[in-house]
N, C-alpha and C. Protein backbone atom coordinates (compact mmCIF):
# COMPACT_ATOMS: atom_id res chain seq x y z
N MET A 1 21.97 7.18 2.42
CA MET A 1 20.52 7.15 2.32
C MET A 1 19.98 8.51 2.76
N THR A 2 19.03 9.02 1.98
CA THR A 2 18.45 10.33 2.31
C THR A 2 17.42 10.21 3.44
N ASP A 3 17.08 11.34 4.02
CA ASP A 3 16.04 11.36 5.07
C ASP A 3 14.71 10.84 4.52
N ASN A 4 14.38 11.23 3.28
CA ASN A 4 13.11 10.79 2.70
C ASN A 4 13.10 9.28 2.46
N GLU A 5 14.23 8.72 2.05
CA GLU A 5 14.31 7.27 1.87
C GLU A 5 14.14 6.55 3.21
N MET A 6 14.76 7.06 4.25
CA MET A 6 14.62 6.47 5.58
C MET A 6 13.18 6.58 6.07
N PHE A 7 12.56 7.71 5.78
CA PHE A 7 11.16 7.92 6.15
C PHE A 7 10.27 6.84 5.51
N VAL A 8 10.46 6.57 4.22
CA VAL A 8 9.64 5.56 3.53
C VAL A 8 9.96 4.16 4.05
N ARG A 9 11.20 3.87 4.34
CA ARG A 9 11.54 2.58 4.96
C ARG A 9 10.80 2.42 6.30
N ASP A 10 10.79 3.48 7.09
CA ASP A 10 10.07 3.44 8.37
C ASP A 10 8.57 3.25 8.16
N LEU A 11 8.02 3.87 7.12
CA LEU A 11 6.60 3.72 6.80
C LEU A 11 6.28 2.26 6.48
N PHE A 12 7.11 1.61 5.68
CA PHE A 12 6.87 0.21 5.33
C PHE A 12 7.02 -0.68 6.56
N ARG A 13 7.94 -0.34 7.44
CA ARG A 13 8.08 -1.07 8.70
C ARG A 13 6.78 -0.93 9.51
N ALA A 14 6.21 0.27 9.54
CA ALA A 14 4.95 0.50 10.26
C ALA A 14 3.82 -0.34 9.65
N TRP A 15 3.76 -0.42 8.32
CA TRP A 15 2.74 -1.26 7.67
C TRP A 15 2.89 -2.70 8.14
N ASN A 16 4.10 -3.22 8.09
CA ASN A 16 4.32 -4.62 8.47
C ASN A 16 4.07 -4.86 9.96
N ASP A 17 4.25 -3.83 10.78
CA ASP A 17 4.00 -3.94 12.22
C ASP A 17 2.54 -3.65 12.58
N ARG A 18 1.73 -3.29 11.58
CA ARG A 18 0.33 -2.91 11.80
C ARG A 18 0.23 -1.73 12.76
N ASP A 19 1.17 -0.81 12.64
CA ASP A 19 1.23 0.38 13.49
C ASP A 19 0.43 1.49 12.81
N TYR A 20 -0.88 1.44 12.99
CA TYR A 20 -1.78 2.35 12.28
C TYR A 20 -1.59 3.80 12.70
N ASP A 21 -1.19 4.05 13.93
CA ASP A 21 -0.92 5.42 14.36
C ASP A 21 0.26 6.01 13.61
N SER A 22 1.32 5.21 13.44
CA SER A 22 2.49 5.70 12.68
C SER A 22 2.15 5.90 11.21
N ILE A 23 1.34 5.00 10.66
CA ILE A 23 0.91 5.15 9.26
C ILE A 23 0.16 6.47 9.11
N ALA A 24 -0.81 6.70 9.98
CA ALA A 24 -1.60 7.94 9.91
C ALA A 24 -0.72 9.17 10.09
N GLY A 25 0.25 9.10 11.00
CA GLY A 25 1.13 10.23 11.25
C GLY A 25 2.09 10.54 10.13
N SER A 26 2.26 9.61 9.21
CA SER A 26 3.19 9.81 8.10
C SER A 26 2.53 10.49 6.89
N VAL A 27 1.23 10.77 7.01
CA VAL A 27 0.46 11.29 5.89
C VAL A 27 -0.07 12.68 6.21
N ALA A 28 0.16 13.62 5.30
CA ALA A 28 -0.34 14.98 5.49
C ALA A 28 -1.88 14.98 5.45
N PRO A 29 -2.51 15.87 6.22
CA PRO A 29 -3.98 15.92 6.24
C PRO A 29 -4.61 16.12 4.86
N ASP A 30 -3.93 16.83 3.98
CA ASP A 30 -4.48 17.10 2.64
C ASP A 30 -3.89 16.19 1.57
N CYS A 31 -3.27 15.10 1.97
CA CYS A 31 -2.65 14.16 1.03
C CYS A 31 -3.70 13.45 0.19
N THR A 32 -3.36 13.21 -1.07
CA THR A 32 -4.18 12.41 -1.97
C THR A 32 -3.33 11.25 -2.47
N LEU A 33 -3.86 10.04 -2.34
CA LEU A 33 -3.22 8.84 -2.87
C LEU A 33 -4.12 8.30 -3.97
N ILE A 34 -3.55 8.15 -5.16
CA ILE A 34 -4.32 7.67 -6.31
C ILE A 34 -3.81 6.30 -6.72
N GLU A 35 -4.73 5.32 -6.81
CA GLU A 35 -4.41 4.02 -7.40
C GLU A 35 -4.62 4.15 -8.90
N GLU A 36 -3.53 4.17 -9.63
CA GLU A 36 -3.59 4.47 -11.06
C GLU A 36 -4.43 3.47 -11.85
N GLY A 37 -4.41 2.19 -11.49
CA GLY A 37 -5.18 1.20 -12.25
C GLY A 37 -6.67 1.31 -12.05
N SER A 38 -7.09 1.51 -10.81
CA SER A 38 -8.52 1.54 -10.51
C SER A 38 -9.10 2.94 -10.52
N GLY A 39 -8.24 3.94 -10.34
CA GLY A 39 -8.72 5.31 -10.24
C GLY A 39 -9.21 5.68 -8.85
N ARG A 40 -9.15 4.71 -7.92
CA ARG A 40 -9.58 4.99 -6.54
C ARG A 40 -8.66 6.04 -5.95
N THR A 41 -9.26 6.97 -5.22
CA THR A 41 -8.52 8.04 -4.56
C THR A 41 -8.76 7.95 -3.06
N LEU A 42 -7.68 7.96 -2.31
CA LEU A 42 -7.75 7.94 -0.85
C LEU A 42 -7.26 9.28 -0.34
N GLN A 43 -7.92 9.79 0.68
CA GLN A 43 -7.61 11.11 1.20
C GLN A 43 -7.04 11.04 2.61
N GLY A 44 -5.94 11.73 2.83
CA GLY A 44 -5.38 11.96 4.16
C GLY A 44 -5.05 10.71 4.95
N PRO A 45 -4.75 10.92 6.23
CA PRO A 45 -4.38 9.81 7.12
C PRO A 45 -5.46 8.73 7.20
N GLU A 46 -6.73 9.14 7.16
CA GLU A 46 -7.82 8.16 7.24
C GLU A 46 -7.81 7.22 6.06
N GLY A 47 -7.54 7.74 4.87
CA GLY A 47 -7.50 6.90 3.67
C GLY A 47 -6.39 5.87 3.72
N PHE A 48 -5.19 6.30 4.14
CA PHE A 48 -4.06 5.37 4.25
C PHE A 48 -4.36 4.30 5.30
N THR A 49 -4.89 4.72 6.45
CA THR A 49 -5.18 3.78 7.52
C THR A 49 -6.26 2.80 7.10
N GLN A 50 -7.28 3.28 6.42
CA GLN A 50 -8.35 2.42 5.92
C GLN A 50 -7.79 1.36 4.98
N LEU A 51 -6.88 1.77 4.08
CA LEU A 51 -6.27 0.84 3.14
C LEU A 51 -5.46 -0.22 3.87
N ALA A 52 -4.66 0.19 4.84
CA ALA A 52 -3.83 -0.76 5.59
C ALA A 52 -4.71 -1.75 6.35
N LYS A 53 -5.73 -1.26 7.03
CA LYS A 53 -6.61 -2.15 7.79
C LYS A 53 -7.35 -3.13 6.88
N ALA A 54 -7.82 -2.65 5.73
CA ALA A 54 -8.52 -3.52 4.79
C ALA A 54 -7.60 -4.64 4.30
N MET A 55 -6.35 -4.28 4.01
CA MET A 55 -5.40 -5.27 3.51
C MET A 55 -5.11 -6.33 4.58
N PHE A 56 -4.83 -5.87 5.80
CA PHE A 56 -4.45 -6.82 6.84
C PHE A 56 -5.64 -7.55 7.45
N ASP A 57 -6.84 -7.00 7.36
CA ASP A 57 -8.04 -7.74 7.76
C ASP A 57 -8.26 -8.91 6.80
N ALA A 58 -8.00 -8.68 5.51
CA ALA A 58 -8.18 -9.73 4.50
C ALA A 58 -7.03 -10.73 4.51
N MET A 59 -5.83 -10.24 4.81
CA MET A 59 -4.63 -11.09 4.77
C MET A 59 -3.81 -10.86 6.04
N PRO A 60 -4.22 -11.46 7.16
CA PRO A 60 -3.53 -11.22 8.42
C PRO A 60 -2.04 -11.56 8.40
N ASP A 61 -1.64 -12.47 7.51
CA ASP A 61 -0.22 -12.81 7.41
C ASP A 61 0.49 -11.94 6.36
N GLY A 62 -0.19 -10.92 5.85
CA GLY A 62 0.36 -10.07 4.79
C GLY A 62 1.67 -9.40 5.19
N LYS A 63 2.52 -9.24 4.18
CA LYS A 63 3.83 -8.62 4.39
C LYS A 63 4.21 -7.84 3.14
N LEU A 64 4.84 -6.70 3.34
CA LEU A 64 5.38 -5.91 2.25
C LEU A 64 6.90 -5.97 2.33
N THR A 65 7.54 -6.29 1.21
CA THR A 65 8.99 -6.37 1.15
C THR A 65 9.50 -5.34 0.16
N LEU A 66 10.38 -4.46 0.64
CA LEU A 66 10.97 -3.45 -0.24
C LEU A 66 11.95 -4.12 -1.20
N ASP A 67 11.77 -3.88 -2.49
CA ASP A 67 12.67 -4.43 -3.50
C ASP A 67 13.66 -3.39 -4.00
N HIS A 68 13.19 -2.15 -4.14
CA HIS A 68 14.04 -1.08 -4.65
C HIS A 68 13.49 0.25 -4.15
N LEU A 69 14.38 1.12 -3.76
CA LEU A 69 13.98 2.43 -3.24
C LEU A 69 14.97 3.47 -3.75
N THR A 70 14.43 4.55 -4.30
CA THR A 70 15.29 5.63 -4.77
C THR A 70 14.57 6.95 -4.59
N SER A 71 15.35 8.01 -4.52
CA SER A 71 14.73 9.32 -4.36
C SER A 71 15.53 10.38 -5.09
N GLN A 72 14.82 11.45 -5.41
CA GLN A 72 15.44 12.64 -5.96
C GLN A 72 14.62 13.81 -5.42
N GLY A 73 15.26 14.63 -4.62
CA GLY A 73 14.55 15.74 -4.00
C GLY A 73 13.44 15.21 -3.11
N ASP A 74 12.22 15.72 -3.31
CA ASP A 74 11.07 15.32 -2.50
C ASP A 74 10.37 14.07 -3.03
N THR A 75 10.82 13.54 -4.15
CA THR A 75 10.17 12.38 -4.77
C THR A 75 10.87 11.09 -4.38
N VAL A 76 10.08 10.15 -3.87
CA VAL A 76 10.60 8.83 -3.50
C VAL A 76 9.83 7.79 -4.31
N VAL A 77 10.57 6.89 -4.96
CA VAL A 77 9.98 5.80 -5.73
C VAL A 77 10.36 4.49 -5.05
N VAL A 78 9.35 3.68 -4.78
CA VAL A 78 9.59 2.41 -4.10
C VAL A 78 8.90 1.28 -4.86
N GLU A 79 9.68 0.26 -5.20
CA GLU A 79 9.13 -0.97 -5.76
C GLU A 79 9.11 -1.98 -4.63
N TYR A 80 8.02 -2.73 -4.55
CA TYR A 80 7.90 -3.68 -3.45
C TYR A 80 7.07 -4.89 -3.86
N THR A 81 7.18 -5.92 -3.05
CA THR A 81 6.40 -7.14 -3.24
C THR A 81 5.49 -7.29 -2.03
N GLY A 82 4.22 -7.47 -2.30
CA GLY A 82 3.25 -7.74 -1.25
C GLY A 82 2.81 -9.19 -1.34
N SER A 83 2.68 -9.85 -0.20
CA SER A 83 2.23 -11.24 -0.22
C SER A 83 1.40 -11.52 1.02
N GLY A 84 0.51 -12.48 0.88
CA GLY A 84 -0.32 -12.88 2.00
C GLY A 84 -1.38 -13.87 1.55
N THR A 85 -2.02 -14.48 2.52
CA THR A 85 -3.08 -15.44 2.27
C THR A 85 -4.42 -14.80 2.62
N GLN A 86 -5.34 -14.81 1.66
CA GLN A 86 -6.62 -14.14 1.86
C GLN A 86 -7.57 -15.02 2.66
N THR A 87 -7.57 -14.81 3.97
CA THR A 87 -8.45 -15.57 4.86
C THR A 87 -9.64 -14.75 5.34
N GLY A 88 -9.68 -13.47 4.95
CA GLY A 88 -10.80 -12.61 5.30
C GLY A 88 -11.33 -11.92 4.05
N ASP A 89 -12.45 -11.24 4.18
CA ASP A 89 -13.02 -10.51 3.05
C ASP A 89 -12.07 -9.40 2.61
N LEU A 90 -11.88 -9.29 1.30
CA LEU A 90 -11.00 -8.28 0.72
C LEU A 90 -11.86 -7.18 0.12
N VAL A 91 -11.79 -5.99 0.69
CA VAL A 91 -12.58 -4.87 0.21
C VAL A 91 -11.76 -4.13 -0.85
N LEU A 92 -12.27 -4.15 -2.08
CA LEU A 92 -11.62 -3.49 -3.21
C LEU A 92 -12.50 -2.36 -3.72
N HIS A 93 -11.94 -1.57 -4.61
CA HIS A 93 -12.67 -0.47 -5.20
C HIS A 93 -13.97 -0.94 -5.87
N ALA A 94 -13.92 -2.11 -6.51
CA ALA A 94 -15.07 -2.62 -7.27
C ALA A 94 -16.03 -3.46 -6.43
N GLY A 95 -15.69 -3.71 -5.17
CA GLY A 95 -16.56 -4.52 -4.33
C GLY A 95 -15.76 -5.36 -3.36
N THR A 96 -16.44 -6.27 -2.68
CA THR A 96 -15.82 -7.11 -1.67
C THR A 96 -15.67 -8.53 -2.19
N VAL A 97 -14.47 -9.09 -2.00
CA VAL A 97 -14.17 -10.46 -2.41
C VAL A 97 -14.16 -11.32 -1.15
N PRO A 98 -15.08 -12.29 -1.05
CA PRO A 98 -15.08 -13.18 0.12
C PRO A 98 -13.76 -13.95 0.21
N ALA A 99 -13.41 -14.38 1.40
CA ALA A 99 -12.16 -15.12 1.62
C ALA A 99 -12.06 -16.31 0.66
N THR A 100 -10.88 -16.47 0.08
CA THR A 100 -10.62 -17.57 -0.85
C THR A 100 -9.66 -18.60 -0.26
N GLY A 101 -8.90 -18.22 0.75
CA GLY A 101 -7.87 -19.10 1.31
C GLY A 101 -6.64 -19.20 0.43
N ARG A 102 -6.58 -18.41 -0.63
CA ARG A 102 -5.45 -18.48 -1.56
C ARG A 102 -4.35 -17.48 -1.18
N HIS A 103 -3.13 -17.87 -1.52
CA HIS A 103 -1.97 -17.01 -1.31
C HIS A 103 -1.77 -16.12 -2.53
N VAL A 104 -1.42 -14.88 -2.29
CA VAL A 104 -1.21 -13.89 -3.35
C VAL A 104 0.18 -13.28 -3.20
N THR A 105 0.85 -13.11 -4.33
CA THR A 105 2.10 -12.35 -4.38
C THR A 105 1.96 -11.35 -5.52
N VAL A 106 2.18 -10.08 -5.21
CA VAL A 106 2.01 -9.04 -6.22
C VAL A 106 3.16 -8.05 -6.13
N HIS A 107 3.58 -7.57 -7.28
CA HIS A 107 4.63 -6.55 -7.35
C HIS A 107 3.97 -5.21 -7.62
N ALA A 108 4.46 -4.17 -6.95
CA ALA A 108 3.86 -2.86 -7.07
C ALA A 108 4.93 -1.78 -7.01
N CYS A 109 4.52 -0.58 -7.38
CA CYS A 109 5.40 0.57 -7.35
C CYS A 109 4.60 1.78 -6.86
N ASP A 110 5.15 2.47 -5.87
CA ASP A 110 4.54 3.70 -5.37
C ASP A 110 5.49 4.86 -5.60
N ILE A 111 4.91 6.01 -5.87
CA ILE A 111 5.67 7.25 -5.99
C ILE A 111 5.09 8.22 -4.98
N TYR A 112 5.94 8.70 -4.09
CA TYR A 112 5.50 9.62 -3.04
C TYR A 112 6.20 10.96 -3.18
N GLU A 113 5.46 12.02 -2.91
CA GLU A 113 6.03 13.35 -2.72
C GLU A 113 6.08 13.56 -1.22
N VAL A 114 7.29 13.69 -0.66
CA VAL A 114 7.49 13.76 0.78
C VAL A 114 8.06 15.12 1.15
N LYS A 115 7.45 15.72 2.15
CA LYS A 115 7.97 16.99 2.65
C LYS A 115 7.72 17.04 4.15
N ASP A 116 8.73 17.42 4.89
CA ASP A 116 8.63 17.54 6.35
C ASP A 116 8.15 16.23 6.99
N HIS A 117 8.68 15.12 6.51
CA HIS A 117 8.37 13.79 7.06
C HIS A 117 6.89 13.43 6.98
N GLN A 118 6.25 13.88 5.90
CA GLN A 118 4.87 13.46 5.62
C GLN A 118 4.69 13.31 4.12
N ILE A 119 3.85 12.35 3.75
CA ILE A 119 3.51 12.17 2.34
C ILE A 119 2.48 13.22 1.97
N LYS A 120 2.81 14.01 0.95
CA LYS A 120 1.91 15.06 0.47
C LYS A 120 1.03 14.56 -0.68
N GLU A 121 1.58 13.63 -1.45
CA GLU A 121 0.86 13.07 -2.60
C GLU A 121 1.45 11.71 -2.91
N GLY A 122 0.62 10.79 -3.38
CA GLY A 122 1.10 9.46 -3.74
C GLY A 122 0.37 8.90 -4.93
N ARG A 123 1.09 8.08 -5.69
CA ARG A 123 0.52 7.34 -6.80
C ARG A 123 0.94 5.88 -6.65
N VAL A 124 -0.02 4.98 -6.80
CA VAL A 124 0.23 3.56 -6.64
C VAL A 124 0.00 2.88 -7.98
N TYR A 125 0.96 2.07 -8.40
CA TYR A 125 0.84 1.27 -9.62
C TYR A 125 0.84 -0.19 -9.19
N LEU A 126 -0.31 -0.85 -9.39
CA LEU A 126 -0.55 -2.18 -8.87
C LEU A 126 -1.26 -3.01 -9.93
N ASP A 127 -0.81 -4.25 -10.12
CA ASP A 127 -1.42 -5.14 -11.11
C ASP A 127 -2.60 -5.87 -10.47
N THR A 128 -3.77 -5.23 -10.51
CA THR A 128 -4.95 -5.83 -9.89
C THR A 128 -5.39 -7.10 -10.63
N GLY A 129 -5.07 -7.18 -11.91
CA GLY A 129 -5.39 -8.40 -12.68
C GLY A 129 -4.64 -9.61 -12.14
N ALA A 130 -3.39 -9.42 -11.75
CA ALA A 130 -2.61 -10.52 -11.18
C ALA A 130 -3.20 -10.97 -9.85
N ILE A 131 -3.67 -10.00 -9.06
CA ILE A 131 -4.30 -10.33 -7.78
C ILE A 131 -5.55 -11.17 -8.02
N MET A 132 -6.41 -10.71 -8.93
CA MET A 132 -7.66 -11.42 -9.22
C MET A 132 -7.39 -12.83 -9.74
N SER A 133 -6.38 -12.97 -10.59
CA SER A 133 -6.04 -14.28 -11.12
C SER A 133 -5.57 -15.22 -10.02
N GLN A 134 -4.70 -14.72 -9.14
CA GLN A 134 -4.18 -15.56 -8.06
C GLN A 134 -5.27 -15.93 -7.04
N LEU A 135 -6.29 -15.09 -6.92
CA LEU A 135 -7.41 -15.41 -6.04
C LEU A 135 -8.40 -16.36 -6.70
N GLY A 136 -8.17 -16.68 -7.97
CA GLY A 136 -9.04 -17.61 -8.68
C GLY A 136 -10.29 -16.97 -9.23
N LEU A 137 -10.28 -15.65 -9.37
CA LEU A 137 -11.46 -14.94 -9.83
C LEU A 137 -11.47 -14.70 -11.34
N THR A 138 -10.31 -14.82 -11.98
CA THR A 138 -10.19 -14.69 -13.44
C THR A 138 -9.22 -15.75 -13.93
N ARG A 139 -9.22 -15.94 -15.20
CA ARG A 139 -8.27 -16.91 -15.81
C ARG A 139 -7.26 -16.22 -16.64
């Protein structure tokens, strides 16, 4: 396993542990994270931390499970499954979804450019339609 792969494994462990300081420390100050489906852009450690807090505020039992991880040079690709029960308001790019009490399972893929144990750039591929359907907001 490469150093970058271990770094991303540690990052996912920090997410699951709600270790916001470690999450923030894993992101370069000038990092940009783009959600490809929504076009939302998050900047630097604050953006990553804001995303993590929003997710776990909405789904306190939320968990990320690594399904596949690979790297080549500074590029790390991770496929994962996120799951949780939405018992709090979910803040999304398009607005806030009040608590539904429904359980959600979603598959996603992130691509990170990692250098010196920090994410310099990230792209997230997430099926937001599946999330909305599982929350009962679409058919």
